[in-house]
């Protein structure tokens, strides 16, 4: 959410890709709900995938849609394998497709 807020503060355009209609209820912690709602309302486009429930499958589909629309992927990821459909899978798919993925110092590598 920090990156999305920074994009908007810099005058950029935000496109929200939601993995399912119930993603907010199932995956957003209550203390982040207001910020989630604010960013969703600020998005110039909101795409909600037709998946019935938020799941690894739904998140994988959202990642694939995101990559089809991206020129560059900026991700915050430990670099270790995570859950199927998660950030690590999306980063690996972006790299395999030749999409630029800048790499930073990572945890503990300053």
N, C-alpha and C. Protein backbone atom coordinates (compact mmCIF):
# COMPACT_ATOMS: atom_id res chain seq x y z
N UNK A 1 0.81 -1.18 0.00
CA UNK A 1 0.00 0.00 0.00
C UNK A 1 0.86 1.26 0.00
N UNK A 2 2.05 1.16 0.58
CA UNK A 2 2.95 2.32 0.60
C UNK A 2 3.34 2.74 -0.81
N UNK A 3 3.64 1.77 -1.67
CA UNK A 3 4.04 2.10 -3.03
C UNK A 3 2.89 2.73 -3.79
N UNK A 4 1.69 2.20 -3.63
CA UNK A 4 0.52 2.77 -4.32
C UNK A 4 0.29 4.21 -3.87
N UNK A 5 0.43 4.46 -2.58
CA UNK A 5 0.26 5.83 -2.07
C UNK A 5 1.33 6.75 -2.64
N UNK A 6 2.57 6.25 -2.77
CA UNK A 6 3.65 7.07 -3.33
C UNK A 6 3.40 7.37 -4.81
N UNK A 7 2.88 6.42 -5.54
CA UNK A 7 2.56 6.63 -6.96
C UNK A 7 1.52 7.75 -7.09
N UNK A 8 0.48 7.69 -6.28
CA UNK A 8 -0.55 8.72 -6.33
C UNK A 8 0.00 10.08 -5.91
N UNK A 9 0.84 10.11 -4.88
CA UNK A 9 1.42 11.37 -4.40
C UNK A 9 2.30 12.01 -5.47
N UNK A 10 2.91 11.18 -6.32
CA UNK A 10 3.77 11.69 -7.39
C UNK A 10 2.98 12.05 -8.65
N UNK A 11 1.65 11.91 -8.59
CA UNK A 11 0.81 12.25 -9.73
C UNK A 11 0.60 11.11 -10.69
N UNK A 12 0.98 9.90 -10.29
CA UNK A 12 0.82 8.74 -11.15
C UNK A 12 -0.60 8.21 -11.14
N UNK A 13 -0.82 7.23 -11.97
CA UNK A 13 -2.13 6.60 -12.13
C UNK A 13 -2.09 5.23 -11.49
N UNK A 14 -3.10 4.90 -10.74
CA UNK A 14 -3.17 3.61 -10.05
C UNK A 14 -4.25 2.75 -10.67
N UNK A 15 -3.88 1.53 -11.02
CA UNK A 15 -4.84 0.53 -11.49
C UNK A 15 -4.85 -0.57 -10.43
N UNK A 16 -6.01 -0.83 -9.85
CA UNK A 16 -6.13 -1.86 -8.82
C UNK A 16 -6.59 -3.15 -9.46
N UNK A 17 -5.85 -4.22 -9.22
CA UNK A 17 -6.22 -5.55 -9.70
C UNK A 17 -6.54 -6.39 -8.47
N UNK A 18 -7.82 -6.73 -8.32
CA UNK A 18 -8.27 -7.51 -7.17
C UNK A 18 -8.50 -8.95 -7.59
N UNK A 19 -7.98 -9.91 -6.84
CA UNK A 19 -8.08 -11.31 -7.24
C UNK A 19 -9.49 -11.89 -7.17
N UNK A 20 -10.36 -11.28 -6.36
CA UNK A 20 -11.73 -11.79 -6.20
C UNK A 20 -12.59 -10.72 -5.56
N UNK A 21 -13.88 -10.91 -5.65
CA UNK A 21 -14.80 -9.94 -5.05
C UNK A 21 -14.68 -9.90 -3.53
N UNK A 22 -14.26 -11.00 -2.91
CA UNK A 22 -14.16 -11.05 -1.46
C UNK A 22 -12.74 -10.80 -0.94
N UNK A 23 -11.87 -10.31 -1.79
CA UNK A 23 -10.47 -10.12 -1.39
C UNK A 23 -10.33 -9.19 -0.19
N UNK A 24 -11.08 -8.11 -0.16
CA UNK A 24 -10.97 -7.17 0.96
C UNK A 24 -11.35 -7.86 2.27
N UNK A 25 -12.48 -8.55 2.27
CA UNK A 25 -12.96 -9.19 3.48
C UNK A 25 -12.05 -10.33 3.94
N UNK A 26 -11.50 -11.08 2.99
CA UNK A 26 -10.72 -12.26 3.35
C UNK A 26 -9.23 -11.98 3.55
N UNK A 27 -8.69 -10.95 2.89
CA UNK A 27 -7.24 -10.82 2.89
C UNK A 27 -6.70 -9.50 3.46
N UNK A 28 -7.55 -8.52 3.70
CA UNK A 28 -7.08 -7.23 4.22
C UNK A 28 -7.34 -7.19 5.73
N UNK A 29 -6.26 -7.02 6.48
CA UNK A 29 -6.38 -6.94 7.94
C UNK A 29 -7.23 -5.73 8.31
N UNK A 30 -8.03 -5.83 9.36
CA UNK A 30 -8.93 -4.72 9.73
C UNK A 30 -8.22 -3.37 9.88
N UNK A 31 -7.01 -3.35 10.40
CA UNK A 31 -6.33 -2.07 10.58
C UNK A 31 -5.82 -1.48 9.27
N UNK A 32 -5.88 -2.23 8.16
CA UNK A 32 -5.51 -1.70 6.84
C UNK A 32 -6.73 -1.40 5.98
N UNK A 33 -7.92 -1.72 6.45
CA UNK A 33 -9.13 -1.62 5.63
C UNK A 33 -9.39 -0.20 5.13
N UNK A 34 -9.23 0.81 5.98
CA UNK A 34 -9.50 2.19 5.56
C UNK A 34 -8.52 2.62 4.48
N UNK A 35 -7.25 2.26 4.61
CA UNK A 35 -6.26 2.62 3.58
C UNK A 35 -6.54 1.87 2.28
N UNK A 36 -6.91 0.62 2.37
CA UNK A 36 -7.29 -0.16 1.20
C UNK A 36 -8.44 0.52 0.47
N UNK A 37 -9.47 0.92 1.22
CA UNK A 37 -10.63 1.58 0.63
C UNK A 37 -10.25 2.91 -0.01
N UNK A 38 -9.38 3.67 0.64
CA UNK A 38 -8.94 4.96 0.09
C UNK A 38 -8.19 4.77 -1.23
N UNK A 39 -7.29 3.80 -1.27
CA UNK A 39 -6.52 3.56 -2.50
C UNK A 39 -7.42 3.00 -3.61
N UNK A 40 -8.33 2.13 -3.26
CA UNK A 40 -9.26 1.59 -4.26
C UNK A 40 -10.10 2.72 -4.86
N UNK A 41 -10.56 3.63 -4.03
CA UNK A 41 -11.36 4.76 -4.52
C UNK A 41 -10.52 5.71 -5.38
N UNK A 42 -9.23 5.81 -5.10
CA UNK A 42 -8.34 6.70 -5.85
C UNK A 42 -7.88 6.10 -7.16
N UNK A 43 -8.05 4.80 -7.33
CA UNK A 43 -7.60 4.13 -8.56
C UNK A 43 -8.41 4.62 -9.76
N UNK A 44 -7.70 4.82 -10.87
CA UNK A 44 -8.39 5.24 -12.09
C UNK A 44 -9.12 4.06 -12.74
N UNK A 45 -8.74 2.86 -12.36
CA UNK A 45 -9.38 1.65 -12.87
C UNK A 45 -9.29 0.58 -11.79
N UNK A 46 -10.36 -0.16 -11.59
CA UNK A 46 -10.37 -1.29 -10.67
C UNK A 46 -10.81 -2.52 -11.45
N UNK A 47 -9.94 -3.52 -11.51
CA UNK A 47 -10.26 -4.78 -12.17
C UNK A 47 -10.43 -5.85 -11.10
N UNK A 48 -11.59 -6.43 -11.02
CA UNK A 48 -11.84 -7.52 -10.08
C UNK A 48 -12.01 -8.79 -10.91
N UNK A 49 -11.16 -9.77 -10.65
CA UNK A 49 -11.22 -11.02 -11.40
C UNK A 49 -12.47 -11.80 -11.02
N UNK A 50 -12.95 -12.67 -11.90
CA UNK A 50 -14.19 -13.39 -11.64
C UNK A 50 -14.04 -14.58 -10.69
N UNK A 51 -12.92 -14.70 -10.02
CA UNK A 51 -12.74 -15.80 -9.06
C UNK A 51 -13.73 -15.64 -7.91
N UNK A 52 -14.32 -16.74 -7.48
CA UNK A 52 -15.32 -16.68 -6.41
C UNK A 52 -14.72 -16.29 -5.07
N UNK A 53 -13.53 -16.81 -4.79
CA UNK A 53 -12.91 -16.55 -3.48
C UNK A 53 -11.44 -16.22 -3.65
N UNK A 54 -10.93 -15.40 -2.74
CA UNK A 54 -9.50 -15.11 -2.71
C UNK A 54 -8.77 -16.41 -2.38
N UNK A 55 -7.79 -16.76 -3.20
CA UNK A 55 -7.05 -18.01 -3.03
C UNK A 55 -5.73 -17.88 -3.77
N UNK A 56 -4.87 -18.87 -3.63
CA UNK A 56 -3.61 -18.88 -4.36
C UNK A 56 -3.88 -18.80 -5.87
N UNK A 57 -4.88 -19.54 -6.33
CA UNK A 57 -5.25 -19.50 -7.75
C UNK A 57 -5.66 -18.10 -8.18
N UNK A 58 -6.48 -17.44 -7.37
CA UNK A 58 -6.95 -16.09 -7.69
C UNK A 58 -5.80 -15.10 -7.69
N UNK A 59 -4.91 -15.20 -6.71
CA UNK A 59 -3.76 -14.29 -6.66
C UNK A 59 -2.81 -14.54 -7.83
N UNK A 60 -2.64 -15.80 -8.22
CA UNK A 60 -1.82 -16.10 -9.40
C UNK A 60 -2.40 -15.49 -10.66
N UNK A 61 -3.72 -15.58 -10.81
CA UNK A 61 -4.40 -14.98 -11.96
C UNK A 61 -4.25 -13.47 -11.96
N UNK A 62 -4.35 -12.86 -10.78
CA UNK A 62 -4.18 -11.40 -10.67
C UNK A 62 -2.75 -11.01 -11.04
N UNK A 63 -1.79 -11.78 -10.60
CA UNK A 63 -0.39 -11.51 -10.95
C UNK A 63 -0.16 -11.60 -12.45
N UNK A 64 -0.75 -12.60 -13.09
CA UNK A 64 -0.60 -12.75 -14.54
C UNK A 64 -1.23 -11.57 -15.28
N UNK A 65 -2.40 -11.12 -14.84
CA UNK A 65 -3.03 -9.96 -15.46
C UNK A 65 -2.16 -8.73 -15.27
N UNK A 66 -1.66 -8.56 -14.08
CA UNK A 66 -0.78 -7.42 -13.80
C UNK A 66 0.44 -7.43 -14.74
N UNK A 67 1.05 -8.59 -14.92
CA UNK A 67 2.23 -8.68 -15.78
C UNK A 67 1.91 -8.41 -17.24
N UNK A 68 0.72 -8.76 -17.68
CA UNK A 68 0.32 -8.49 -19.07
C UNK A 68 0.21 -6.99 -19.33
N UNK A 69 -0.03 -6.22 -18.29
CA UNK A 69 -0.23 -4.78 -18.44
C UNK A 69 0.99 -3.96 -18.08
N UNK A 70 2.02 -4.58 -17.53
CA UNK A 70 3.16 -3.84 -16.98
C UNK A 70 4.30 -3.67 -17.98
N UNK A 71 5.00 -2.56 -17.83
CA UNK A 71 6.25 -2.33 -18.55
C UNK A 71 7.44 -2.61 -17.65
N UNK A 72 7.19 -2.63 -16.35
CA UNK A 72 8.22 -2.78 -15.33
C UNK A 72 7.54 -3.30 -14.08
N UNK A 73 8.18 -4.22 -13.36
CA UNK A 73 7.63 -4.71 -12.11
C UNK A 73 8.52 -4.26 -10.96
N UNK A 74 7.93 -3.51 -10.04
CA UNK A 74 8.62 -3.14 -8.80
C UNK A 74 7.93 -3.92 -7.70
N UNK A 75 8.68 -4.80 -7.05
CA UNK A 75 8.10 -5.67 -6.03
C UNK A 75 8.94 -5.65 -4.77
N UNK A 76 8.29 -5.79 -3.66
CA UNK A 76 8.98 -5.95 -2.39
C UNK A 76 8.86 -7.43 -2.04
N UNK A 77 9.99 -8.11 -2.08
CA UNK A 77 9.98 -9.56 -1.93
C UNK A 77 11.29 -9.99 -1.29
N UNK A 78 11.24 -10.97 -0.44
CA UNK A 78 12.46 -11.47 0.22
C UNK A 78 13.35 -12.23 -0.75
N UNK A 79 12.78 -12.68 -1.86
CA UNK A 79 13.55 -13.49 -2.81
C UNK A 79 13.44 -14.97 -2.52
N UNK A 80 12.84 -15.32 -1.40
CA UNK A 80 12.64 -16.72 -1.05
C UNK A 80 11.28 -17.16 -1.57
N UNK A 81 11.15 -18.44 -1.87
CA UNK A 81 9.84 -18.92 -2.31
C UNK A 81 8.79 -18.66 -1.25
N UNK A 82 7.62 -18.28 -1.70
CA UNK A 82 6.52 -18.02 -0.78
C UNK A 82 5.36 -18.93 -1.11
N UNK A 83 4.19 -18.42 -0.86
CA UNK A 83 2.98 -19.18 -1.17
C UNK A 83 2.75 -19.19 -2.67
N UNK A 84 2.17 -20.27 -3.20
CA UNK A 84 1.83 -20.29 -4.63
C UNK A 84 0.94 -19.09 -4.98
N UNK A 85 1.24 -18.45 -6.08
CA UNK A 85 0.47 -17.29 -6.52
C UNK A 85 0.91 -16.00 -5.86
N UNK A 86 1.92 -16.07 -5.00
CA UNK A 86 2.37 -14.89 -4.26
C UNK A 86 3.38 -14.05 -5.02
N UNK A 87 3.98 -13.13 -4.31
CA UNK A 87 4.91 -12.17 -4.90
C UNK A 87 6.10 -12.86 -5.56
N UNK A 88 6.68 -13.85 -4.90
CA UNK A 88 7.85 -14.53 -5.47
C UNK A 88 7.51 -15.17 -6.81
N UNK A 89 6.32 -15.78 -6.91
CA UNK A 89 5.90 -16.38 -8.18
C UNK A 89 5.73 -15.31 -9.26
N UNK A 90 5.16 -14.17 -8.90
CA UNK A 90 4.96 -13.08 -9.86
C UNK A 90 6.30 -12.52 -10.32
N UNK A 91 7.24 -12.35 -9.41
CA UNK A 91 8.58 -11.87 -9.78
C UNK A 91 9.26 -12.87 -10.71
N UNK A 92 9.17 -14.14 -10.40
CA UNK A 92 9.79 -15.16 -11.26
C UNK A 92 9.16 -15.17 -12.65
N UNK A 93 7.84 -15.03 -12.72
CA UNK A 93 7.15 -15.00 -14.02
C UNK A 93 7.55 -13.76 -14.82
N UNK A 94 7.69 -12.63 -14.14
CA UNK A 94 8.11 -11.40 -14.83
C UNK A 94 9.50 -11.57 -15.41
N UNK A 95 10.41 -12.10 -14.63
CA UNK A 95 11.79 -12.31 -15.12
C UNK A 95 11.80 -13.30 -16.28
N UNK A 96 11.02 -14.37 -16.18
CA UNK A 96 10.97 -15.36 -17.25
C UNK A 96 10.42 -14.76 -18.54
N UNK A 97 9.52 -13.77 -18.41
CA UNK A 97 8.94 -13.12 -19.58
C UNK A 97 9.81 -11.98 -20.10
N UNK A 98 10.92 -11.71 -19.42
CA UNK A 98 11.81 -10.63 -19.86
C UNK A 98 11.37 -9.26 -19.41
N UNK A 99 10.43 -9.18 -18.47
CA UNK A 99 9.97 -7.90 -17.96
C UNK A 99 11.02 -7.38 -16.96
N UNK A 100 11.42 -6.13 -17.07
CA UNK A 100 12.41 -5.60 -16.12
C UNK A 100 11.89 -5.65 -14.69
N UNK A 101 12.74 -6.16 -13.80
CA UNK A 101 12.45 -6.23 -12.36
C UNK A 101 13.69 -5.70 -11.65
N UNK A 102 13.69 -4.42 -11.26
CA UNK A 102 14.86 -3.89 -10.57
C UNK A 102 15.08 -4.65 -9.27
N UNK A 103 16.34 -4.85 -8.92
CA UNK A 103 16.62 -5.52 -7.65
C UNK A 103 17.35 -4.55 -6.75
N UNK A 104 16.97 -4.57 -5.49
CA UNK A 104 17.58 -3.72 -4.49
C UNK A 104 18.46 -4.53 -3.58
N UNK A 105 18.83 -3.93 -2.46
CA UNK A 105 19.75 -4.60 -1.56
C UNK A 105 19.15 -5.83 -0.88
N UNK A 106 17.85 -5.88 -0.71
CA UNK A 106 17.23 -7.02 -0.05
C UNK A 106 17.46 -6.99 1.44
N UNK A 107 16.82 -7.92 2.14
CA UNK A 107 16.95 -7.95 3.60
C UNK A 107 18.38 -8.22 4.02
N UNK A 108 18.89 -7.38 4.88
CA UNK A 108 20.23 -7.59 5.42
C UNK A 108 21.37 -7.34 4.46
N UNK A 109 21.10 -6.86 3.26
CA UNK A 109 22.18 -6.60 2.29
C UNK A 109 22.21 -5.14 1.91
N UNK A 110 22.68 -4.32 2.78
CA UNK A 110 22.70 -2.86 2.53
C UNK A 110 23.97 -2.44 1.87
